[in-house]
């Protein structure tokens, strides 16, 4: 190992290639509270966006129906 590396090799050399706090695969790790809050916010925004698009489409169809009736 080069003498110019500024890492502590004992920190990274524990059993495998993962760092010590990464014992489970990334996809199977439970979400932290902060990550869960972020995911919840994202899902809420997506729902709001979808609802807004649906309302916009409904408004357009209502306008077309009222124009057709006149």
Protein backbone atom coordinates (compact mmCIF):
# COMPACT_ATOMS: atom_id res chain seq x y z
CA UNK A 1 0.00 0.00 0.00
CA UNK A 2 1.26 3.45 -0.82
CA UNK A 3 2.40 5.64 2.03
CA UNK A 4 0.52 8.57 0.45
CA UNK A 5 -2.95 7.15 1.09
CA UNK A 6 -4.81 8.97 3.84
CA UNK A 7 -7.17 6.16 4.75
CA UNK A 8 -7.21 3.85 7.70
CA UNK A 9 -7.02 0.42 6.03
CA UNK A 10 -8.41 -1.35 9.10
CA UNK A 11 -11.65 0.62 8.75
CA UNK A 12 -12.34 -0.77 5.27
CA UNK A 13 -11.03 -4.33 5.69
CA UNK A 14 -13.79 -6.18 7.50
CA UNK A 15 -14.82 -9.41 5.89
CA UNK A 16 -15.84 -8.10 2.50
CA UNK A 17 -15.82 -5.08 0.27
CA UNK A 18 -18.57 -3.25 2.14
CA UNK A 19 -17.90 -0.67 4.77
CA UNK A 20 -18.57 -1.75 8.35
CA UNK A 21 -22.09 -0.28 8.57
CA UNK A 22 -23.17 -1.79 5.26
CA UNK A 23 -23.66 -5.40 6.30
CA UNK A 24 -26.90 -5.98 4.37
CA UNK A 25 -27.31 -5.42 0.65
CA UNK A 26 -28.40 -1.93 -0.30
CA UNK A 27 -31.83 -2.95 -1.59
CA UNK A 28 -32.72 -4.91 1.53
CA UNK A 29 -31.73 -2.28 4.08
CA UNK A 30 -34.62 -0.67 5.95
CA UNK A 31 -35.13 3.00 5.19
CA UNK A 32 -33.98 5.51 7.72
CA UNK A 33 -36.61 7.86 9.12
CA UNK A 34 -35.34 10.70 6.95
CA UNK A 35 -35.40 8.55 3.81
CA UNK A 36 -38.93 7.40 4.65
CA UNK A 37 -40.07 11.01 5.06
CA UNK A 38 -38.50 11.88 1.72
CA UNK A 39 -40.23 8.95 0.03
CA UNK A 40 -43.57 9.92 1.59
CA UNK A 41 -43.18 13.52 0.38
CA UNK A 42 -42.33 12.30 -3.12
CA UNK A 43 -45.35 9.99 -3.25
CA UNK A 44 -47.60 12.80 -2.01
CA UNK A 45 -46.32 15.14 -4.72
CA UNK A 46 -46.88 12.49 -7.37
CA UNK A 47 -50.46 11.98 -6.17
CA UNK A 48 -51.07 15.74 -6.22
CA UNK A 49 -49.62 15.99 -9.71
CA UNK A 50 -51.77 13.13 -10.97
CA UNK A 51 -54.89 14.62 -9.35
CA UNK A 52 -54.18 18.01 -10.93
CA UNK A 53 -53.80 16.40 -14.36
CA UNK A 54 -57.06 14.50 -13.90
CA UNK A 55 -58.92 17.65 -12.84
CA UNK A 56 -57.50 19.51 -15.83
CA UNK A 57 -58.68 16.78 -18.22
CA UNK A 58 -62.12 16.75 -16.59
CA UNK A 59 -62.38 20.53 -16.95
CA UNK A 60 -61.47 20.28 -20.65
CA UNK A 61 -64.09 17.60 -21.28
CA UNK A 62 -66.71 19.64 -19.40
CA UNK A 63 -65.92 22.67 -21.57
CA UNK A 64 -66.24 20.57 -24.74
CA UNK A 65 -69.58 19.15 -23.57
CA UNK A 66 -70.95 22.61 -22.76
CA UNK A 67 -69.81 23.93 -26.16
CA UNK A 68 -71.42 20.97 -27.90
CA UNK A 69 -74.72 21.57 -26.09
CA UNK A 70 -74.87 25.20 -27.17
